[in-house]
């Protein structure tokens, strides 16, 4: 936010107001993972991958670090490559757990 000139307190206010939505997503994703079913209610892996690519492009253009969006983008790309491109974002767990078992 600093690179965009956004006041940290203003950002904190917006982020805090958004947290109930994030919390509800986390609870829903936990249920999806438990059930092994990944509806695309909050966007597909492909949609999230496109958003992450945009974040990467913007970060690079502003001279910001890209470690975190590159990691997330890599997980999304792997999930899509294993057939979860049209699945919901929680399906990325399949990529993460498979990676752990193969490590």
C-alpha atoms as a PDB file:
ATOM      1  CA  UNK A   1       0.000   0.000   0.000  1.00  0.00           C
ATOM      2  CA  UNK A   2       2.913   2.291   0.683  1.00  0.00           C
ATOM      3  CA  UNK A   3       4.000   2.195  -2.974  1.00  0.00           C
ATOM      4  CA  UNK A   4       0.519   3.419  -3.931  1.00  0.00           C
ATOM      5  CA  UNK A   5       0.527   6.156  -1.311  1.00  0.00           C
ATOM      6  CA  UNK A   6      -2.261   4.584   0.730  1.00  0.00           C
ATOM      7  CA  UNK A   7      -2.275   5.518   4.393  1.00  0.00           C
ATOM      8  CA  UNK A   8      -1.722   2.370   6.536  1.00  0.00           C
ATOM      9  CA  UNK A   9      -4.573   3.315   8.876  1.00  0.00           C
ATOM     10  CA  UNK A  10      -6.972   3.748   5.959  1.00  0.00           C
ATOM     11  CA  UNK A  11      -5.939   0.364   4.595  1.00  0.00           C
ATOM     12  CA  UNK A  12      -6.389  -1.254   8.012  1.00  0.00           C
ATOM     13  CA  UNK A  13      -9.917   0.116   8.220  1.00  0.00           C
ATOM     14  CA  UNK A  14     -10.900  -1.327   4.848  1.00  0.00           C
ATOM     15  CA  UNK A  15      -9.148  -4.651   5.517  1.00  0.00           C
ATOM     16  CA  UNK A  16     -10.793  -5.009   8.923  1.00  0.00           C
ATOM     17  CA  UNK A  17     -14.241  -4.401   7.455  1.00  0.00           C
ATOM     18  CA  UNK A  18     -13.532  -7.131   4.892  1.00  0.00           C
ATOM     19  CA  UNK A  19     -12.539  -9.767   7.474  1.00  0.00           C
ATOM     20  CA  UNK A  20     -16.027 -11.216   8.155  1.00  0.00           C
ATOM     21  CA  UNK A  21     -16.235 -12.099   4.454  1.00  0.00           C
ATOM     22  CA  UNK A  22     -12.764 -13.694   4.527  1.00  0.00           C
ATOM     23  CA  UNK A  23     -13.687 -15.644   7.658  1.00  0.00           C
ATOM     24  CA  UNK A  24     -16.831 -16.995   6.002  1.00  0.00           C
ATOM     25  CA  UNK A  25     -14.779 -18.112   2.999  1.00  0.00           C
ATOM     26  CA  UNK A  26     -12.324 -19.928   5.246  1.00  0.00           C
ATOM     27  CA  UNK A  27     -15.133 -21.836   6.967  1.00  0.00           C
ATOM     28  CA  UNK A  28     -16.670 -22.726   3.601  1.00  0.00           C
ATOM     29  CA  UNK A  29     -13.316 -23.821   2.184  1.00  0.00           C
ATOM     30  CA  UNK A  30     -12.696 -26.029   5.231  1.00  0.00           C
ATOM     31  CA  UNK A  31     -16.017 -27.759   4.548  1.00  0.00           C
ATOM     32  CA  UNK A  32     -15.142 -28.184   0.864  1.00  0.00           C
ATOM     33  CA  UNK A  33     -11.768 -29.709   1.754  1.00  0.00           C
ATOM     34  CA  UNK A  34     -13.396 -32.078   4.230  1.00  0.00           C
ATOM     35  CA  UNK A  35     -16.009 -33.113   1.637  1.00  0.00           C
ATOM     36  CA  UNK A  36     -13.495 -33.289  -1.222  1.00  0.00           C
ATOM     37  CA  UNK A  37     -15.829 -31.204  -3.398  1.00  0.00           C
ATOM     38  CA  UNK A  38     -14.749 -27.828  -4.750  1.00  0.00           C
ATOM     39  CA  UNK A  39     -17.578 -25.782  -6.287  1.00  0.00           C
ATOM     40  CA  UNK A  40     -16.571 -22.602  -8.077  1.00  0.00           C
ATOM     41  CA  UNK A  41     -18.869 -20.358  -6.001  1.00  0.00           C
ATOM     42  CA  UNK A  42     -16.111 -17.859  -5.263  1.00  0.00           C
ATOM     43  CA  UNK A  43     -14.203 -18.213  -8.521  1.00  0.00           C
ATOM     44  CA  UNK A  44     -12.321 -20.941 -10.294  1.00  0.00           C
ATOM     45  CA  UNK A  45      -8.638 -21.698 -10.023  1.00  0.00           C
ATOM     46  CA  UNK A  46      -8.266 -20.203 -13.513  1.00  0.00           C
ATOM     47  CA  UNK A  47      -9.939 -16.941 -12.415  1.00  0.00           C
ATOM     48  CA  UNK A  48      -7.704 -16.689  -9.357  1.00  0.00           C
ATOM     49  CA  UNK A  49      -4.642 -17.487 -11.495  1.00  0.00           C
ATOM     50  CA  UNK A  50      -5.508 -14.628 -13.856  1.00  0.00           C
ATOM     51  CA  UNK A  51      -5.915 -12.273 -10.892  1.00  0.00           C
ATOM     52  CA  UNK A  52      -2.553 -13.403  -9.508  1.00  0.00           C
ATOM     53  CA  UNK A  53      -0.913 -12.767 -12.893  1.00  0.00           C
ATOM     54  CA  UNK A  54      -2.329  -9.244 -12.818  1.00  0.00           C
ATOM     55  CA  UNK A  55      -0.934  -8.779  -9.305  1.00  0.00           C
ATOM     56  CA  UNK A  56       2.463 -10.018 -10.499  1.00  0.00           C
ATOM     57  CA  UNK A  57       2.470  -7.618 -13.462  1.00  0.00           C
ATOM     58  CA  UNK A  58       1.451  -4.703 -11.251  1.00  0.00           C
ATOM     59  CA  UNK A  59       4.015  -5.577  -8.583  1.00  0.00           C
ATOM     60  CA  UNK A  60       6.805  -5.808 -11.150  1.00  0.00           C
ATOM     61  CA  UNK A  61       5.770  -2.491 -12.718  1.00  0.00           C
ATOM     62  CA  UNK A  62       5.930  -0.828  -9.289  1.00  0.00           C
ATOM     63  CA  UNK A  63       9.229  -2.457  -8.373  1.00  0.00           C
ATOM     64  CA  UNK A  64       7.702  -4.527  -5.579  1.00  0.00           C
ATOM     65  CA  UNK A  65       8.710  -8.005  -4.482  1.00  0.00           C
ATOM     66  CA  UNK A  66       6.865 -10.859  -6.124  1.00  0.00           C
ATOM     67  CA  UNK A  67       7.772 -13.832  -3.906  1.00  0.00           C
ATOM     68  CA  UNK A  68       4.306 -14.330  -2.428  1.00  0.00           C
ATOM     69  CA  UNK A  69       2.256 -13.889  -5.620  1.00  0.00           C
ATOM     70  CA  UNK A  70       4.749 -16.103  -7.491  1.00  0.00           C
ATOM     71  CA  UNK A  71       4.278 -18.850  -4.902  1.00  0.00           C
ATOM     72  CA  UNK A  72       0.497 -18.587  -5.027  1.00  0.00           C
ATOM     73  CA  UNK A  73       0.562 -18.417  -8.825  1.00  0.00           C
ATOM     74  CA  UNK A  74       2.683 -21.556  -8.926  1.00  0.00           C
ATOM     75  CA  UNK A  75       0.210 -23.424  -6.716  1.00  0.00           C
ATOM     76  CA  UNK A  76      -2.679 -22.246  -8.888  1.00  0.00           C
ATOM     77  CA  UNK A  77      -0.870 -23.275 -12.078  1.00  0.00           C
ATOM     78  CA  UNK A  78      -0.144 -26.717 -10.633  1.00  0.00           C
ATOM     79  CA  UNK A  79      -3.777 -27.112  -9.562  1.00  0.00           C
ATOM     80  CA  UNK A  80      -4.946 -26.205 -13.070  1.00  0.00           C
ATOM     81  CA  UNK A  81      -2.435 -28.613 -14.624  1.00  0.00           C
ATOM     82  CA  UNK A  82      -3.840 -31.459 -12.528  1.00  0.00           C
ATOM     83  CA  UNK A  83      -7.392 -30.861 -13.721  1.00  0.00           C
ATOM     84  CA  UNK A  84      -8.671 -28.319 -11.194  1.00  0.00           C
ATOM     85  CA  UNK A  85      -8.750 -25.260 -13.468  1.00  0.00           C
ATOM     86  CA  UNK A  86     -12.538 -25.055 -13.345  1.00  0.00           C
ATOM     87  CA  UNK A  87     -12.725 -26.067  -9.676  1.00  0.00           C
ATOM     88  CA  UNK A  88     -13.035 -23.687  -6.775  1.00  0.00           C
ATOM     89  CA  UNK A  89      -9.973 -22.175  -5.145  1.00  0.00           C
ATOM     90  CA  UNK A  90     -10.064 -24.614  -2.204  1.00  0.00           C
ATOM     91  CA  UNK A  91      -9.049 -27.365  -4.645  1.00  0.00           C
ATOM     92  CA  UNK A  92      -5.484 -26.058  -4.436  1.00  0.00           C
ATOM     93  CA  UNK A  93      -5.233 -28.188  -1.290  1.00  0.00           C
ATOM     94  CA  UNK A  94      -5.063 -31.199  -3.596  1.00  0.00           C
ATOM     95  CA  UNK A  95      -1.852 -29.805  -5.090  1.00  0.00           C
ATOM     96  CA  UNK A  96      -0.387 -28.898  -1.718  1.00  0.00           C
ATOM     97  CA  UNK A  97      -1.077 -32.265  -0.067  1.00  0.00           C
ATOM     98  CA  UNK A  98       0.111 -34.219  -3.082  1.00  0.00           C
ATOM     99  CA  UNK A  99       3.322 -32.161  -3.052  1.00  0.00           C
ATOM    100  CA  UNK A 100       3.843 -32.981   0.622  1.00  0.00           C
ATOM    101  CA  UNK A 101       3.336 -36.693   0.079  1.00  0.00           C
ATOM    102  CA  UNK A 102       5.812 -36.684  -2.805  1.00  0.00           C
ATOM    103  CA  UNK A 103       8.472 -34.700  -0.947  1.00  0.00           C
END
